[in-house]
Amino acid sequence: MIPIFLALAIIVILFILLVAGQSDEFTVTRSAKISAPPEKIFPHVNDLHNWEAWSPWAKLDPNAKNSFEGAASGVGAAMAWEGNCKVGVGRMTITESKPSESICFRLDFKKPMKATNLAEFNFKTEGGQTLVTWSMTGQKNFVGKFFHLLMSCDQMIGGQFEKGLAAIKPIAEAAK
């Protein structure tokens, strides 16, 4: 009986060490080349009203309720959303906006899990095209580290970033 408890205790301790040993931070980054200059792509990201046309999360819940606050676009523009379990509840606010260069966001998620992450779009001209890079960073608590063992943030979010970049591509290219 004691060896079973000892074995279980060792397994639990090893599991806790495995989870605790995970990185405290995560980063997800995806890029795509778009055949349009940065100034044609930038407004589709900098104005949160435009996100519904290309955001992969808008497709996951077309009935989500969105509300807008602050500036019409750029620094101070904010969008809150409330949707199904696939999109949850949260708010994003543009914290920095450098025309045709970069846009930074603060993401405050309320459901399904509370978290605050930072996201960024960068626009870089490369031989007649624009390399658009979408990234997000955040902190992982113990529960987040446990879930990361099962499925990484890169796996969960990276595919959505790819879909979003693929969806904004024809919109921006048509605006040439």
C-alpha atoms as a PDB file:
ATOM      1  CA  MET A   1       0.000   0.000   0.000  1.00  0.00           C
ATOM      2  CA  ILE A   2       2.766   2.451   0.922  1.00  0.00           C
ATOM      3  CA  PRO A   3       4.705   1.817  -2.324  1.00  0.00           C
ATOM      4  CA  ILE A   4       1.576   2.737  -4.334  1.00  0.00           C
ATOM      5  CA  PHE A   5       1.188   6.035  -2.426  1.00  0.00           C
ATOM      6  CA  LEU A   6       4.902   6.698  -2.780  1.00  0.00           C
ATOM      7  CA  ALA A   7       4.741   6.028  -6.528  1.00  0.00           C
ATOM      8  CA  LEU A   8       1.685   8.306  -6.881  1.00  0.00           C
ATOM      9  CA  ALA A   9       3.393  11.031  -4.855  1.00  0.00           C
ATOM     10  CA  ILE A  10       6.486  10.832  -7.082  1.00  0.00           C
ATOM     11  CA  ILE A  11       4.313  10.993 -10.228  1.00  0.00           C
ATOM     12  CA  VAL A  12       2.427  14.032  -8.899  1.00  0.00           C
ATOM     13  CA  ILE A  13       5.670  15.784  -7.935  1.00  0.00           C
ATOM     14  CA  LEU A  14       7.197  15.068 -11.368  1.00  0.00           C
ATOM     15  CA  PHE A  15       4.047  16.323 -13.082  1.00  0.00           C
ATOM     16  CA  ILE A  16       4.076  19.541 -11.032  1.00  0.00           C
ATOM     17  CA  LEU A  17       7.759  20.055 -11.843  1.00  0.00           C
ATOM     18  CA  LEU A  18       7.081  19.420 -15.544  1.00  0.00           C
ATOM     19  CA  VAL A  19       4.268  21.981 -15.619  1.00  0.00           C
ATOM     20  CA  ALA A  20       6.118  24.537 -13.473  1.00  0.00           C
ATOM     21  CA  GLY A  21       9.222  24.165 -15.646  1.00  0.00           C
ATOM     22  CA  GLN A  22       7.408  25.433 -18.738  1.00  0.00           C
ATOM     23  CA  SER A  23       8.236  28.910 -19.994  1.00  0.00           C
ATOM     24  CA  ASP A  24       6.313  31.737 -18.301  1.00  0.00           C
ATOM     25  CA  GLU A  25       5.746  33.482 -21.622  1.00  0.00           C
ATOM     26  CA  PHE A  26       4.381  32.524 -25.028  1.00  0.00           C
ATOM     27  CA  THR A  27       4.723  34.127 -28.445  1.00  0.00           C
ATOM     28  CA  VAL A  28       2.747  33.374 -31.584  1.00  0.00           C
ATOM     29  CA  THR A  29       3.900  34.899 -34.882  1.00  0.00           C
ATOM     30  CA  ARG A  30       2.713  34.518 -38.450  1.00  0.00           C
ATOM     31  CA  SER A  31       3.629  36.464 -41.590  1.00  0.00           C
ATOM     32  CA  ALA A  32       2.305  36.793 -45.114  1.00  0.00           C
ATOM     33  CA  LYS A  33       3.355  38.708 -48.199  1.00  0.00           C
ATOM     34  CA  ILE A  34       0.675  40.929 -49.687  1.00  0.00           C
ATOM     35  CA  SER A  35       0.941  42.536 -53.124  1.00  0.00           C
ATOM     36  CA  ALA A  36      -0.017  45.994 -51.939  1.00  0.00           C
ATOM     37  CA  PRO A  37       1.903  48.851 -50.331  1.00  0.00           C
ATOM     38  CA  PRO A  38       1.747  49.190 -46.518  1.00  0.00           C
ATOM     39  CA  GLU A  39      -0.455  52.296 -46.746  1.00  0.00           C
ATOM     40  CA  LYS A  40      -3.192  50.197 -48.438  1.00  0.00           C
ATOM     41  CA  ILE A  41      -3.068  47.430 -45.807  1.00  0.00           C
ATOM     42  CA  PHE A  42      -2.626  49.568 -42.694  1.00  0.00           C
ATOM     43  CA  PRO A  43      -6.194  51.035 -42.555  1.00  0.00           C
ATOM     44  CA  HIS A  44      -7.728  47.544 -42.545  1.00  0.00           C
ATOM     45  CA  VAL A  45      -5.980  46.850 -39.236  1.00  0.00           C
ATOM     46  CA  ASN A  46      -5.796  50.345 -37.721  1.00  0.00           C
ATOM     47  CA  ASP A  47      -9.577  50.878 -37.932  1.00  0.00           C
ATOM     48  CA  LEU A  48     -11.209  48.193 -35.772  1.00  0.00           C
ATOM     49  CA  HIS A  49     -14.505  48.656 -37.641  1.00  0.00           C
ATOM     50  CA  ASN A  50     -12.775  47.023 -40.641  1.00  0.00           C
ATOM     51  CA  TRP A  51     -11.850  43.822 -38.775  1.00  0.00           C
ATOM     52  CA  GLU A  52     -15.169  42.094 -39.386  1.00  0.00           C
ATOM     53  CA  ALA A  53     -14.318  41.823 -43.095  1.00  0.00           C
ATOM     54  CA  TRP A  54     -11.205  39.711 -42.477  1.00  0.00           C
ATOM     55  CA  SER A  55     -10.915  38.614 -38.831  1.00  0.00           C
ATOM     56  CA  PRO A  56     -11.068  34.829 -38.437  1.00  0.00           C
ATOM     57  CA  TRP A  57     -12.896  35.269 -35.130  1.00  0.00           C
ATOM     58  CA  ALA A  58     -15.745  37.125 -36.864  1.00  0.00           C
ATOM     59  CA  LYS A  59     -16.289  33.973 -38.930  1.00  0.00           C
ATOM     60  CA  LEU A  60     -16.305  31.736 -35.829  1.00  0.00           C
ATOM     61  CA  ASP A  61     -19.285  33.627 -34.423  1.00  0.00           C
ATOM     62  CA  PRO A  62     -21.130  35.855 -36.909  1.00  0.00           C
ATOM     63  CA  ASN A  63     -23.634  36.682 -34.130  1.00  0.00           C
ATOM     64  CA  ALA A  64     -21.031  38.051 -31.709  1.00  0.00           C
ATOM     65  CA  LYS A  65     -21.874  41.462 -30.299  1.00  0.00           C
ATOM     66  CA  ASN A  66     -19.191  44.069 -30.956  1.00  0.00           C
ATOM     67  CA  SER A  67     -19.035  47.569 -29.527  1.00  0.00           C
ATOM     68  CA  PHE A  68     -16.572  50.348 -30.264  1.00  0.00           C
ATOM     69  CA  GLU A  69     -15.189  53.075 -28.015  1.00  0.00           C
ATOM     70  CA  GLY A  70     -12.590  55.803 -28.119  1.00  0.00           C
ATOM     71  CA  ALA A  71     -10.967  57.108 -31.264  1.00  0.00           C
ATOM     72  CA  ALA A  72     -12.358  56.134 -34.668  1.00  0.00           C
ATOM     73  CA  SER A  73      -9.006  54.511 -35.476  1.00  0.00           C
ATOM     74  CA  GLY A  74      -5.437  54.457 -34.211  1.00  0.00           C
ATOM     75  CA  VAL A  75      -4.330  55.004 -30.626  1.00  0.00           C
ATOM     76  CA  GLY A  76      -7.240  54.815 -28.204  1.00  0.00           C
ATOM     77  CA  ALA A  77      -9.583  52.950 -30.555  1.00  0.00           C
ATOM     78  CA  ALA A  78     -11.137  50.012 -28.721  1.00  0.00           C
ATOM     79  CA  MET A  79     -13.443  47.155 -29.583  1.00  0.00           C
ATOM     80  CA  ALA A  80     -15.205  44.909 -27.086  1.00  0.00           C
ATOM     81  CA  TRP A  81     -16.789  41.618 -28.090  1.00  0.00           C
ATOM     82  CA  GLU A  82     -19.103  39.068 -26.581  1.00  0.00           C
ATOM     83  CA  GLY A  83     -19.655  35.838 -28.437  1.00  0.00           C
ATOM     84  CA  ASN A  84     -19.974  32.099 -28.268  1.00  0.00           C
ATOM     85  CA  CYS A  85     -17.460  29.770 -26.606  1.00  0.00           C
ATOM     86  CA  LYS A  86     -15.185  29.966 -29.668  1.00  0.00           C
ATOM     87  CA  VAL A  87     -14.644  33.741 -29.395  1.00  0.00           C
ATOM     88  CA  GLY A  88     -15.451  34.403 -25.747  1.00  0.00           C
ATOM     89  CA  VAL A  89     -15.637  37.846 -24.184  1.00  0.00           C
ATOM     90  CA  GLY A  90     -12.962  40.510 -24.282  1.00  0.00           C
ATOM     91  CA  ARG A  91     -11.677  43.853 -25.430  1.00  0.00           C
ATOM     92  CA  MET A  92      -8.813  45.115 -27.560  1.00  0.00           C
ATOM     93  CA  THR A  93      -7.363  48.594 -27.530  1.00  0.00           C
ATOM     94  CA  ILE A  94      -4.838  50.119 -29.903  1.00  0.00           C
ATOM     95  CA  THR A  95      -1.961  51.380 -27.762  1.00  0.00           C
ATOM     96  CA  GLU A  96       0.456  52.452 -30.493  1.00  0.00           C
ATOM     97  CA  SER A  97      -0.007  53.223 -34.167  1.00  0.00           C
ATOM     98  CA  LYS A  98       2.779  54.210 -36.553  1.00  0.00           C
ATOM     99  CA  PRO A  99       1.227  54.789 -40.003  1.00  0.00           C
ATOM    100  CA  SER A 100       2.184  52.064 -42.478  1.00  0.00           C
ATOM    101  CA  GLU A 101       4.769  50.652 -40.014  1.00  0.00           C
ATOM    102  CA  SER A 102       3.186  49.042 -36.958  1.00  0.00           C
ATOM    103  CA  ILE A 103       0.133  48.798 -34.716  1.00  0.00           C
ATOM    104  CA  CYS A 104       0.206  47.539 -31.110  1.00  0.00           C
ATOM    105  CA  PHE A 105      -2.794  46.268 -29.159  1.00  0.00           C
ATOM    106  CA  ARG A 106      -3.651  45.373 -25.604  1.00  0.00           C
ATOM    107  CA  LEU A 107      -5.957  42.349 -25.509  1.00  0.00           C
ATOM    108  CA  ASP A 108      -8.017  41.800 -22.376  1.00  0.00           C
ATOM    109  CA  PHE A 109      -9.766  38.435 -22.410  1.00  0.00           C
ATOM    110  CA  LYS A 110     -12.533  37.824 -19.856  1.00  0.00           C
ATOM    111  CA  LYS A 111     -13.943  34.473 -21.043  1.00  0.00           C
ATOM    112  CA  PRO A 112     -13.319  31.608 -21.461  1.00  0.00           C
ATOM    113  CA  MET A 113     -10.153  32.431 -19.475  1.00  0.00           C
ATOM    114  CA  LYS A 114      -8.966  35.742 -18.076  1.00  0.00           C
ATOM    115  CA  ALA A 115      -5.748  36.969 -19.625  1.00  0.00           C
ATOM    116  CA  THR A 116      -4.070  40.121 -20.850  1.00  0.00           C
ATOM    117  CA  ASN A 117      -1.868  39.763 -23.918  1.00  0.00           C
ATOM    118  CA  LEU A 118      -0.129  42.100 -26.324  1.00  0.00           C
ATOM    119  CA  ALA A 119      -0.520  41.880 -30.090  1.00  0.00           C
ATOM    120  CA  GLU A 120       1.310  43.638 -32.864  1.00  0.00           C
ATOM    121  CA  PHE A 121       1.128  44.050 -36.629  1.00  0.00           C
ATOM    122  CA  ASN A 122       4.260  45.093 -38.514  1.00  0.00           C
ATOM    123  CA  PHE A 123       4.352  46.151 -42.164  1.00  0.00           C
ATOM    124  CA  LYS A 124       7.633  45.934 -44.087  1.00  0.00           C
ATOM    125  CA  THR A 125       8.115  46.609 -47.800  1.00  0.00           C
ATOM    126  CA  GLU A 126       9.936  43.799 -49.594  1.00  0.00           C
ATOM    127  CA  GLY A 127      10.443  44.031 -53.341  1.00  0.00           C
ATOM    128  CA  GLY A 128       7.070  45.417 -54.401  1.00  0.00           C
ATOM    129  CA  GLN A 129       5.168  43.513 -51.708  1.00  0.00           C
ATOM    130  CA  THR A 130       4.509  44.063 -48.041  1.00  0.00           C
ATOM    131  CA  LEU A 131       5.466  41.517 -45.423  1.00  0.00           C
ATOM    132  CA  VAL A 132       2.738  41.687 -42.782  1.00  0.00           C
ATOM    133  CA  THR A 133       3.677  40.086 -39.463  1.00  0.00           C
ATOM    134  CA  TRP A 134       1.032  39.449 -36.801  1.00  0.00           C
ATOM    135  CA  SER A 135       2.281  38.446 -33.367  1.00  0.00           C
ATOM    136  CA  MET A 136       0.934  38.027 -29.862  1.00  0.00           C
ATOM    137  CA  THR A 137       2.748  37.581 -26.561  1.00  0.00           C
ATOM    138  CA  GLY A 138       1.457  36.804 -23.119  1.00  0.00           C
ATOM    139  CA  GLN A 139       2.167  35.272 -19.740  1.00  0.00           C
ATOM    140  CA  LYS A 140       1.271  31.719 -18.749  1.00  0.00           C
ATOM    141  CA  ASN A 141       0.197  30.979 -15.183  1.00  0.00           C
ATOM    142  CA  PHE A 142       0.292  27.415 -13.812  1.00  0.00           C
ATOM    143  CA  VAL A 143      -3.046  26.504 -15.440  1.00  0.00           C
ATOM    144  CA  GLY A 144      -1.892  28.036 -18.721  1.00  0.00           C
ATOM    145  CA  LYS A 145       1.314  26.026 -18.563  1.00  0.00           C
ATOM    146  CA  PHE A 146      -0.723  22.848 -18.001  1.00  0.00           C
ATOM    147  CA  PHE A 147      -2.927  23.558 -21.043  1.00  0.00           C
ATOM    148  CA  HIS A 148       0.188  24.403 -23.061  1.00  0.00           C
ATOM    149  CA  LEU A 149       1.355  20.817 -22.495  1.00  0.00           C
ATOM    150  CA  LEU A 150      -1.837  19.596 -24.176  1.00  0.00           C
ATOM    151  CA  MET A 151      -1.980  22.188 -26.961  1.00  0.00           C
ATOM    152  CA  SER A 152       0.367  25.107 -27.424  1.00  0.00           C
ATOM    153  CA  CYS A 153      -0.809  28.664 -27.995  1.00  0.00           C
ATOM    154  CA  ASP A 154       1.004  28.497 -31.311  1.00  0.00           C
ATOM    155  CA  GLN A 155      -1.216  25.597 -32.405  1.00  0.00           C
ATOM    156  CA  MET A 156      -4.416  27.223 -31.149  1.00  0.00           C
ATOM    157  CA  ILE A 157      -3.847  30.780 -32.354  1.00  0.00           C
ATOM    158  CA  GLY A 158      -1.340  30.440 -35.183  1.00  0.00           C
ATOM    159  CA  GLY A 159      -3.878  28.898 -37.538  1.00  0.00           C
ATOM    160  CA  GLN A 160      -6.291  31.754 -36.870  1.00  0.00           C
ATOM    161  CA  PHE A 161      -3.534  34.288 -37.616  1.00  0.00           C
ATOM    162  CA  GLU A 162      -2.867  32.484 -40.914  1.00  0.00           C
ATOM    163  CA  LYS A 163      -6.579  32.624 -41.814  1.00  0.00           C
ATOM    164  CA  GLY A 164      -6.743  36.318 -40.937  1.00  0.00           C
ATOM    165  CA  LEU A 165      -3.698  37.191 -43.022  1.00  0.00           C
ATOM    166  CA  ALA A 166      -5.077  35.134 -45.934  1.00  0.00           C
ATOM    167  CA  ALA A 167      -8.420  36.964 -45.651  1.00  0.00           C
ATOM    168  CA  ILE A 168      -6.934  40.468 -45.519  1.00  0.00           C
ATOM    169  CA  LYS A 169      -4.706  39.767 -48.549  1.00  0.00           C
ATOM    170  CA  PRO A 170      -7.402  39.985 -51.293  1.00  0.00           C
ATOM    171  CA  ILE A 171      -9.056  42.967 -49.562  1.00  0.00           C
ATOM    172  CA  ALA A 172      -5.799  44.951 -49.470  1.00  0.00           C
ATOM    173  CA  GLU A 173      -4.736  43.866 -52.955  1.00  0.00           C
ATOM    174  CA  ALA A 174      -8.095  45.002 -54.385  1.00  0.00           C
ATOM    175  CA  ALA A 175      -7.558  48.430 -52.782  1.00  0.00           C
ATOM    176  CA  LYS A 176      -4.412  49.064 -54.870  1.00  0.00           C
END
